Amino acid sequence: MRKISKVETGIEKVVFSSRWLQAPIYLVLSLVLLAFVFDISKSVIMMLINIKDFGGHELIVFALTLCDAALVANLVVVVVISGYENFVSKIDVAHDKGEPIWIKKLSPTGVKMKIAGSIVAISSISLLKQFLDIAHISDRELLWNVIIHLVFVFSAIMIAFTGWLEHKVHKPH
């Protein structure tokens, strides 16, 4: 059996403890959610004040903007909870308090797939909003946005494919 020196043990404790340096990042991301709530609340109030000036097109764009914000907020929540749970410390919250139990059970591959899916959905909504305002967007800008969206779609497909391969390789025979 190999003898471990006190220096090596000390280094390993510091390296392992460094995971706690991520905790403030997750806290700041949680604060970003508050900023989203504030920003969306302002937008909803302005929409209600000016409701008489809103037509169907404006309401659709506003609804898409809200959906976009909700998807980004969902993405932040998934990253904060699963990242903290997977890399910093186990979250000890009773399920009877309304904890979404599925989030803590996401594998790193599952988290990547949820993130990729969210990014594709956010990109889709952004692209749809541009198509609804196509008269004010140059062909070049629209082309680049479609190309970027397709890159996101391709990336999501590749993440799903690598997840499938990983599952297939690690599956008991």
Protein backbone atom coordinates (compact mmCIF):
# COMPACT_ATOMS: atom_id res chain seq x y z
CA MET A 1 0.00 0.00 0.00
CA ARG A 2 1.30 3.43 -0.95
CA LYS A 3 2.14 5.88 1.84
CA ILE A 4 0.60 9.32 1.30
CA SER A 5 2.61 12.29 2.54
CA LYS A 6 1.10 15.09 4.60
CA VAL A 7 1.90 17.53 1.78
CA GLU A 8 0.05 15.40 -0.76
CA THR A 9 -2.93 15.04 1.60
CA GLY A 10 -2.97 18.81 2.15
CA ILE A 11 -2.85 19.51 -1.59
CA GLU A 12 -5.67 17.05 -2.23
CA LYS A 13 -7.84 18.68 0.45
CA VAL A 14 -7.26 22.14 -1.09
CA VAL A 15 -7.98 20.84 -4.60
CA PHE A 16 -11.15 19.07 -3.46
CA SER A 17 -12.29 22.11 -1.46
CA SER A 18 -11.84 24.33 -4.53
CA ARG A 19 -15.24 23.12 -5.73
CA TRP A 20 -16.74 25.62 -3.26
CA LEU A 21 -15.36 28.44 -5.42
CA GLN A 22 -18.24 27.67 -7.80
CA ALA A 23 -20.91 28.34 -5.15
CA PRO A 24 -20.80 32.16 -5.54
CA ILE A 25 -21.31 31.74 -9.29
CA TYR A 26 -24.49 29.75 -8.63
CA LEU A 27 -25.65 32.42 -6.17
CA VAL A 28 -25.08 35.17 -8.74
CA LEU A 29 -26.99 33.15 -11.35
CA SER A 30 -29.86 32.93 -8.86
CA LEU A 31 -29.78 36.72 -8.55
CA VAL A 32 -29.98 36.94 -12.35
CA LEU A 33 -33.38 35.25 -12.02
CA LEU A 34 -34.50 38.16 -9.83
CA ALA A 35 -33.34 40.57 -12.53
CA PHE A 36 -35.41 38.60 -15.07
CA VAL A 37 -38.49 38.88 -12.87
CA PHE A 38 -37.96 42.62 -12.50
CA ASP A 39 -37.40 43.13 -16.24
CA ILE A 40 -40.40 41.02 -17.26
CA SER A 41 -42.58 42.76 -14.66
CA LYS A 42 -41.64 46.12 -16.18
CA SER A 43 -42.51 44.82 -19.65
CA VAL A 44 -45.87 43.42 -18.51
CA ILE A 45 -46.77 46.72 -16.79
CA MET A 46 -45.84 48.69 -19.92
CA MET A 47 -47.86 46.29 -22.07
CA LEU A 48 -50.90 46.66 -19.80
CA ILE A 49 -50.59 50.46 -19.80
CA ASN A 50 -50.42 50.49 -23.60
CA ILE A 51 -52.79 47.58 -24.26
CA LYS A 52 -54.99 49.72 -26.50
CA ASP A 53 -52.04 50.21 -28.87
CA PHE A 54 -51.25 46.50 -29.06
CA GLY A 55 -52.46 44.52 -32.05
CA GLY A 56 -52.35 40.80 -32.65
CA HIS A 57 -48.83 40.97 -34.10
CA GLU A 58 -47.47 42.86 -31.07
CA LEU A 59 -49.18 40.44 -28.67
CA ILE A 60 -47.63 37.48 -30.47
CA VAL A 61 -44.17 39.05 -30.30
CA PHE A 62 -44.72 39.90 -26.62
CA ALA A 63 -45.86 36.34 -25.86
CA LEU A 64 -42.80 34.96 -27.67
CA THR A 65 -40.59 37.31 -25.66
CA LEU A 66 -42.15 36.02 -22.43
CA CYS A 67 -41.66 32.41 -23.57
CA ASP A 68 -38.05 33.25 -24.41
CA ALA A 69 -37.52 34.71 -20.93
CA ALA A 70 -39.14 31.68 -19.31
CA LEU A 71 -36.86 29.32 -21.25
CA VAL A 72 -33.77 31.30 -20.26
CA ALA A 73 -34.94 31.29 -16.63
CA ASN A 74 -35.52 27.51 -16.82
CA LEU A 75 -32.05 27.11 -18.26
CA VAL A 76 -30.54 29.11 -15.38
CA VAL A 77 -32.45 27.02 -12.82
CA VAL A 78 -31.29 23.74 -14.38
CA VAL A 79 -27.67 24.95 -14.45
CA VAL A 80 -27.77 26.27 -10.88
CA ILE A 81 -29.42 23.25 -9.27
CA SER A 82 -27.75 20.50 -11.26
CA GLY A 83 -24.37 22.23 -11.28
CA TYR A 84 -24.42 22.79 -7.53
CA GLU A 85 -25.67 19.26 -6.90
CA ASN A 86 -23.16 17.60 -9.26
CA PHE A 87 -20.05 19.66 -8.53
CA VAL A 88 -20.33 21.42 -5.15
CA SER A 89 -22.53 19.67 -2.61
CA LYS A 90 -25.68 17.58 -2.33
CA ILE A 91 -28.81 19.66 -1.88
CA ASP A 92 -30.73 18.47 1.17
CA VAL A 93 -34.32 19.63 0.62
CA ALA A 94 -37.32 17.53 1.53
CA HIS A 95 -39.46 16.51 -1.44
CA ASP A 96 -42.62 17.51 0.41
CA LYS A 97 -41.52 21.16 0.14
CA GLY A 98 -42.11 21.13 -3.62
CA GLU A 99 -38.63 20.20 -4.76
CA PRO A 100 -38.59 19.14 -8.43
CA ILE A 101 -36.99 15.76 -7.76
CA TRP A 102 -36.08 15.15 -11.41
CA ILE A 103 -33.56 18.01 -11.50
CA LYS A 104 -31.30 16.40 -8.92
CA LYS A 105 -31.39 13.10 -10.80
CA LEU A 106 -30.06 14.55 -14.05
CA SER A 107 -26.80 13.05 -15.21
CA PRO A 108 -24.18 15.41 -16.65
CA THR A 109 -25.25 14.19 -20.10
CA GLY A 110 -28.91 14.85 -19.22
CA VAL A 111 -27.99 18.38 -18.12
CA LYS A 112 -26.14 18.97 -21.40
CA MET A 113 -29.16 17.72 -23.35
CA LYS A 114 -31.55 19.97 -21.41
CA ILE A 115 -29.24 22.95 -21.94
CA ALA A 116 -28.88 22.18 -25.65
CA GLY A 117 -32.64 21.75 -25.99
CA SER A 118 -33.25 25.04 -24.21
CA ILE A 119 -30.75 26.84 -26.43
CA VAL A 120 -32.43 25.42 -29.55
CA ALA A 121 -35.86 26.48 -28.23
CA ILE A 122 -34.58 29.98 -27.38
CA SER A 123 -32.97 30.25 -30.81
CA SER A 124 -36.20 29.03 -32.46
CA ILE A 125 -38.25 31.68 -30.69
CA SER A 126 -35.75 34.37 -31.61
CA LEU A 127 -35.83 33.23 -35.23
CA LEU A 128 -39.64 33.15 -35.24
CA LYS A 129 -39.74 36.71 -33.90
CA GLN A 130 -37.45 37.75 -36.75
CA PHE A 131 -39.66 36.02 -39.32
CA LEU A 132 -42.64 37.91 -37.91
CA ASP A 133 -40.69 41.14 -38.50
CA ILE A 134 -39.13 40.05 -41.78
CA ALA A 135 -39.76 43.40 -43.50
CA HIS A 136 -37.26 45.07 -41.16
CA ILE A 137 -34.48 42.46 -41.33
CA SER A 138 -31.87 42.20 -44.06
CA ASP A 139 -31.49 38.96 -45.97
CA ARG A 140 -27.88 38.73 -44.76
CA GLU A 141 -28.89 39.07 -41.09
CA LEU A 142 -31.69 36.52 -41.51
CA LEU A 143 -29.34 34.09 -43.29
CA TRP A 144 -26.77 34.32 -40.48
CA ASN A 145 -29.46 33.82 -37.85
CA VAL A 146 -30.72 30.71 -39.66
CA ILE A 147 -27.15 29.38 -39.96
CA ILE A 148 -26.49 30.01 -36.25
CA HIS A 149 -29.78 28.30 -35.37
CA LEU A 150 -28.85 25.28 -37.50
CA VAL A 151 -25.48 25.10 -35.71
CA PHE A 152 -27.38 24.98 -32.39
CA VAL A 153 -29.67 22.26 -33.75
CA PHE A 154 -26.70 20.26 -35.04
CA SER A 155 -24.91 20.67 -31.69
CA ALA A 156 -27.99 19.44 -29.82
CA ILE A 157 -28.23 16.43 -32.13
CA MET A 158 -24.54 15.64 -31.56
CA ILE A 159 -24.94 15.94 -27.77
CA ALA A 160 -27.94 13.59 -27.92
CA PHE A 161 -25.99 11.19 -30.15
CA THR A 162 -22.95 11.15 -27.84
CA GLY A 163 -25.30 10.62 -24.87
CA TRP A 164 -26.87 7.68 -26.70
CA LEU A 165 -23.40 6.26 -27.49
CA GLU A 166 -22.30 6.71 -23.89
CA HIS A 167 -25.42 4.92 -22.65
CA LYS A 168 -24.93 2.12 -25.18
CA VAL A 169 -21.24 1.65 -24.27
CA HIS A 170 -21.86 1.68 -20.51
CA LYS A 171 -25.00 -0.47 -20.68
CA PRO A 172 -24.56 -3.81 -18.90
CA HIS A 173 -24.47 -6.71 -21.34
